[in-house]
Amino acid sequence: MAHETMEKLESGSLNGGGYEVCRLRHDEKEVYVILVDFSSNPTRTRRPPFKKIYSLLEKYADKRLILAGDFNTPLDSVYFDPIRAKLKNAFETAGRGNADT
C-alpha cells in the first residue's frame, strides 16, 4: 500500500504576495514544491519577490523541485532568466494553448 504525506516546510511574504514550500512524499520518492503568489499590482517592483525565489531555488537546489504559481509577471521578463537557468518551464517544454494560464 502506498504511503503519501505532505509537509509544509516554510512560508512567507513576497512584497504584497506570498509563498509556501512543501515536501510531498509518495513511498520513498519525494518532491519539493514552491508555490508563489506575486502581487497583481503593476506598480509594485518584482525585484524583492524574485530575489526571495532565487534564494529558495538555491536552498532546495539538491532536491526534486517544482516552482509554480501566479507570478503576475510577463514570461519574457529578465527576472525569469535565473530561474530558466536552473529549471525547465513545463509549458515551454511541452505545452500548447494559452501559455499565460
C-alpha atoms as a PDB file:
ATOM      1  CA  MET A   1       0.000   0.000   0.000  1.00  0.00           C
ATOM      2  CA  ALA A   2       1.317   3.444  -0.949  1.00  0.00           C
ATOM      3  CA  HIS A   3       2.288   5.859   1.785  1.00  0.00           C
ATOM      4  CA  GLU A   4       1.769   9.526   0.958  1.00  0.00           C
ATOM      5  CA  THR A   5       2.474  12.636   3.018  1.00  0.00           C
ATOM      6  CA  MET A   6       2.644  16.385   2.540  1.00  0.00           C
ATOM      7  CA  GLU A   7       4.540  18.648   4.873  1.00  0.00           C
ATOM      8  CA  LYS A   8       4.594  22.445   4.791  1.00  0.00           C
ATOM      9  CA  LEU A   9       8.202  23.475   5.392  1.00  0.00           C
ATOM     10  CA  GLU A  10       8.062  27.251   5.246  1.00  0.00           C
ATOM     11  CA  SER A  11       6.056  30.218   4.083  1.00  0.00           C
ATOM     12  CA  GLY A  12       6.465  33.950   3.871  1.00  0.00           C
ATOM     13  CA  SER A  13       5.656  37.273   2.304  1.00  0.00           C
ATOM     14  CA  LEU A  14       6.593  38.381  -1.213  1.00  0.00           C
ATOM     15  CA  ASN A  15       6.105  42.163  -1.303  1.00  0.00           C
ATOM     16  CA  GLY A  16       2.308  42.005  -1.288  1.00  0.00           C
ATOM     17  CA  GLY A  17       2.090  38.328  -2.180  1.00  0.00           C
ATOM     18  CA  GLY A  18       3.333  35.160  -0.554  1.00  0.00           C
ATOM     19  CA  TYR A  19       4.966  31.749  -0.921  1.00  0.00           C
ATOM     20  CA  GLU A  20       4.889  28.274   0.597  1.00  0.00           C
ATOM     21  CA  VAL A  21       7.366  25.430   0.352  1.00  0.00           C
ATOM     22  CA  CYS A  22       6.012  21.899   0.761  1.00  0.00           C
ATOM     23  CA  ARG A  23       7.581  18.450   0.668  1.00  0.00           C
ATOM     24  CA  LEU A  24       5.459  15.746  -0.926  1.00  0.00           C
ATOM     25  CA  ARG A  25       6.303  12.089  -0.380  1.00  0.00           C
ATOM     26  CA  HIS A  26       4.966   9.016  -2.141  1.00  0.00           C
ATOM     27  CA  ASP A  27       6.511   5.839  -0.778  1.00  0.00           C
ATOM     28  CA  GLU A  28      10.267   6.513  -0.990  1.00  0.00           C
ATOM     29  CA  LYS A  29      10.072   9.316  -3.568  1.00  0.00           C
ATOM     30  CA  GLU A  30       9.804  12.979  -2.670  1.00  0.00           C
ATOM     31  CA  VAL A  31       9.407  16.273  -4.470  1.00  0.00           C
ATOM     32  CA  TYR A  32       9.584  19.803  -3.139  1.00  0.00           C
ATOM     33  CA  VAL A  33       7.064  22.365  -4.366  1.00  0.00           C
ATOM     34  CA  ILE A  34       7.475  26.107  -4.123  1.00  0.00           C
ATOM     35  CA  LEU A  35       4.103  27.810  -4.568  1.00  0.00           C
ATOM     36  CA  VAL A  36       4.112  31.560  -5.199  1.00  0.00           C
ATOM     37  CA  ASP A  37       1.559  34.311  -5.495  1.00  0.00           C
ATOM     38  CA  PHE A  38       3.001  37.677  -6.536  1.00  0.00           C
ATOM     39  CA  SER A  39       1.045  40.888  -6.097  1.00  0.00           C
ATOM     40  CA  SER A  40      -1.002  41.777  -9.163  1.00  0.00           C
ATOM     41  CA  ASN A  41      -0.329  45.490  -8.611  1.00  0.00           C
ATOM     42  CA  PRO A  42       1.698  46.554 -11.681  1.00  0.00           C
ATOM     43  CA  THR A  43       3.365  49.397  -9.760  1.00  0.00           C
ATOM     44  CA  ARG A  44       4.993  47.021  -7.244  1.00  0.00           C
ATOM     45  CA  THR A  45       8.551  46.098  -8.057  1.00  0.00           C
ATOM     46  CA  ARG A  46       9.219  42.444  -8.849  1.00  0.00           C
ATOM     47  CA  ARG A  47      12.820  42.580  -7.621  1.00  0.00           C
ATOM     48  CA  PRO A  48      12.261  41.586  -3.930  1.00  0.00           C
ATOM     49  CA  PRO A  49       9.884  38.677  -4.666  1.00  0.00           C
ATOM     50  CA  PHE A  50      12.155  37.256  -7.360  1.00  0.00           C
ATOM     51  CA  LYS A  51      15.194  37.688  -5.106  1.00  0.00           C
ATOM     52  CA  LYS A  52      13.429  35.535  -2.497  1.00  0.00           C
ATOM     53  CA  ILE A  53      12.550  32.937  -5.134  1.00  0.00           C
ATOM     54  CA  TYR A  54      16.200  32.813  -6.251  1.00  0.00           C
ATOM     55  CA  SER A  55      17.280  32.171  -2.644  1.00  0.00           C
ATOM     56  CA  LEU A  56      14.702  29.384  -2.300  1.00  0.00           C
ATOM     57  CA  LEU A  57      15.971  27.787  -5.514  1.00  0.00           C
ATOM     58  CA  GLU A  58      19.479  27.789  -4.043  1.00  0.00           C
ATOM     59  CA  LYS A  59      18.287  26.404  -0.720  1.00  0.00           C
ATOM     60  CA  TYR A  60      16.479  23.475  -2.371  1.00  0.00           C
ATOM     61  CA  ALA A  61      18.843  23.064  -5.348  1.00  0.00           C
ATOM     62  CA  ASP A  62      19.709  19.459  -4.474  1.00  0.00           C
ATOM     63  CA  LYS A  63      16.036  18.393  -4.357  1.00  0.00           C
ATOM     64  CA  ARG A  64      13.493  17.416  -6.990  1.00  0.00           C
ATOM     65  CA  LEU A  65      11.765  20.737  -7.337  1.00  0.00           C
ATOM     66  CA  ILE A  66       8.635  22.260  -8.848  1.00  0.00           C
ATOM     67  CA  LEU A  67       8.139  26.023  -8.879  1.00  0.00           C
ATOM     68  CA  ALA A  68       4.546  27.014  -9.590  1.00  0.00           C
ATOM     69  CA  GLY A  69       2.125  29.811  -9.026  1.00  0.00           C
ATOM     70  CA  ASP A  70       0.930  33.208 -10.110  1.00  0.00           C
ATOM     71  CA  PHE A  71       3.903  35.430 -10.891  1.00  0.00           C
ATOM     72  CA  ASN A  72       1.849  38.286 -12.388  1.00  0.00           C
ATOM     73  CA  THR A  73       4.942  38.990 -14.493  1.00  0.00           C
ATOM     74  CA  PRO A  74       5.375  38.758 -18.283  1.00  0.00           C
ATOM     75  CA  LEU A  75       7.001  35.483 -19.352  1.00  0.00           C
ATOM     76  CA  ASP A  76       9.708  37.364 -21.255  1.00  0.00           C
ATOM     77  CA  SER A  77      10.784  39.294 -18.127  1.00  0.00           C
ATOM     78  CA  VAL A  78      14.517  39.194 -17.387  1.00  0.00           C
ATOM     79  CA  TYR A  79      13.583  38.147 -13.850  1.00  0.00           C
ATOM     80  CA  PHE A  80      12.842  34.661 -15.179  1.00  0.00           C
ATOM     81  CA  ASP A  81      16.329  34.222 -16.707  1.00  0.00           C
ATOM     82  CA  PRO A  82      17.975  32.914 -13.489  1.00  0.00           C
ATOM     83  CA  ILE A  83      15.044  30.553 -12.977  1.00  0.00           C
ATOM     84  CA  ARG A  84      15.279  29.236 -16.537  1.00  0.00           C
ATOM     85  CA  ALA A  85      18.980  28.572 -15.932  1.00  0.00           C
ATOM     86  CA  LYS A  86      18.014  26.123 -13.154  1.00  0.00           C
ATOM     87  CA  LEU A  87      14.563  24.780 -14.077  1.00  0.00           C
ATOM     88  CA  LYS A  88      12.599  23.957 -17.212  1.00  0.00           C
ATOM     89  CA  ASN A  89       9.356  25.751 -17.924  1.00  0.00           C
ATOM     90  CA  ALA A  90       6.770  22.993 -18.369  1.00  0.00           C
ATOM     91  CA  PHE A  91       4.713  24.957 -20.872  1.00  0.00           C
ATOM     92  CA  GLU A  92       7.743  25.989 -22.922  1.00  0.00           C
ATOM     93  CA  THR A  93       8.933  22.377 -22.926  1.00  0.00           C
ATOM     94  CA  ALA A  94       5.704  20.520 -23.702  1.00  0.00           C
ATOM     95  CA  GLY A  95       2.695  22.796 -23.611  1.00  0.00           C
ATOM     96  CA  ARG A  96       0.344  24.251 -26.160  1.00  0.00           C
ATOM     97  CA  GLY A  97      -2.568  26.627 -25.969  1.00  0.00           C
ATOM     98  CA  ASN A  98      -2.689  29.725 -23.787  1.00  0.00           C
ATOM     99  CA  ALA A  99       0.721  29.985 -22.144  1.00  0.00           C
ATOM    100  CA  ASP A 100      -0.344  32.641 -19.653  1.00  0.00           C
ATOM    101  CA  THR A 101      -2.652  30.235 -17.848  1.00  0.00           C
END
